[in-house]
Protein backbone atom coordinates (compact mmCIF):
# COMPACT_ATOMS: atom_id res chain seq x y z
CA MET A 1 -1.91 -7.06 -17.20
CA THR A 2 1.63 -6.57 -15.80
CA ASP A 3 2.43 -5.28 -12.35
CA SER A 4 5.80 -3.73 -13.35
CA LYS A 5 4.09 -0.30 -13.41
CA TYR A 6 4.09 -0.41 -9.57
CA PHE A 7 7.96 -0.44 -9.57
CA THR A 8 8.46 2.87 -11.49
CA THR A 9 10.62 5.58 -10.08
CA THR A 10 9.21 7.80 -7.29
CA LYS A 11 8.15 11.34 -7.65
CA LYS A 12 8.00 14.13 -5.29
CA GLY A 13 4.87 13.89 -3.12
CA GLU A 14 4.34 10.27 -3.65
CA ILE A 15 3.60 9.55 -0.02
CA PHE A 16 0.86 12.12 0.04
CA GLU A 17 -0.63 10.90 -3.21
CA LEU A 18 -0.64 7.32 -1.82
CA LYS A 19 -2.26 8.62 1.32
CA SER A 20 -5.09 10.10 -0.55
CA GLU A 21 -5.58 7.08 -2.79
CA LEU A 22 -5.60 4.79 0.30
CA ASN A 23 -8.41 6.97 1.82
CA SER A 24 -10.40 6.79 -1.35
CA ASP A 25 -14.09 5.59 -1.46
CA LYS A 26 -13.42 3.43 -4.54
CA LYS A 27 -12.35 -0.10 -3.70
CA GLU A 28 -10.25 -0.58 -6.90
CA LYS A 29 -8.40 2.67 -6.29
CA LYS A 30 -7.58 1.44 -2.77
CA LYS A 31 -6.34 -1.89 -4.04
CA GLU A 32 -4.07 -0.19 -6.50
CA ALA A 33 -2.73 2.14 -3.79
CA VAL A 34 -1.84 -0.74 -1.61
CA LYS A 35 -0.10 -2.57 -4.49
CA LYS A 36 2.02 0.66 -4.98
CA VAL A 37 2.79 0.70 -1.22
CA ILE A 38 3.92 -3.06 -1.43
CA ALA A 39 6.08 -2.41 -4.47
CA SER A 40 7.65 0.62 -2.69
CA MET A 41 8.25 -1.44 0.42
CA THR A 42 9.74 -4.26 -1.86
CA VAL A 43 12.40 -1.95 -3.30
CA GLY A 44 13.36 -0.74 0.28
CA LYS A 45 11.45 2.52 0.51
CA ASP A 46 10.21 3.46 4.00
CA VAL A 47 6.41 3.57 3.79
CA SER A 48 5.81 3.20 7.50
CA ALA A 49 4.07 6.65 7.54
CA LEU A 50 1.23 5.14 5.71
CA PHE A 51 0.62 2.50 8.33
CA PRO A 52 -2.70 3.83 9.74
CA ASP A 53 -4.03 4.34 6.18
CA VAL A 54 -3.10 0.89 5.08
CA VAL A 55 -4.65 -0.70 8.15
CA ASN A 56 -7.82 1.31 7.45
CA CYS A 57 -8.12 -0.60 4.16
CA MET A 58 -8.80 -3.88 6.18
CA GLN A 59 -12.53 -2.72 6.37
CA THR A 60 -13.56 -4.31 3.21
CA ASP A 61 -15.00 -7.44 1.79
CA ASN A 62 -12.34 -7.62 -0.92
CA LEU A 63 -10.20 -10.66 0.00
CA GLU A 64 -7.38 -9.62 -2.32
CA LEU A 65 -7.09 -6.18 -0.62
CA LYS A 66 -7.12 -7.90 2.92
CA LYS A 67 -4.14 -10.21 1.71
CA LEU A 68 -2.26 -7.23 0.52
CA VAL A 69 -2.72 -5.45 3.72
CA TYR A 70 -1.57 -8.56 5.64
CA LEU A 71 1.59 -8.60 3.46
CA TYR A 72 2.22 -5.05 4.52
CA LEU A 73 1.59 -5.75 8.29
CA MET A 74 3.77 -8.88 8.30
CA ASN A 75 6.67 -6.96 6.74
CA TYR A 76 6.62 -4.23 9.35
CA ALA A 77 5.90 -6.65 12.22
CA LYS A 78 9.22 -8.45 11.31
CA SER A 79 11.24 -5.17 10.93
CA GLN A 80 9.64 -3.00 13.58
CA PRO A 81 8.21 -5.25 16.35
């Protein structure tokens, strides 16, 4: 499975959509949302508005999801100390 789908062009209301996906009860949906956030961050989009929602994803047993959240935190810790 390729991760290039995360780097597609943005659409209107994407932040709101990501916010709702990050607050989903399904772990897989949360993980996909965090991947989209990381991809947006990688191409230079400001996704700092999603900070509280991404941090809430740390409350999981899924190690991959925790690592993705850590990546997000490290990026914003460097750029906005």
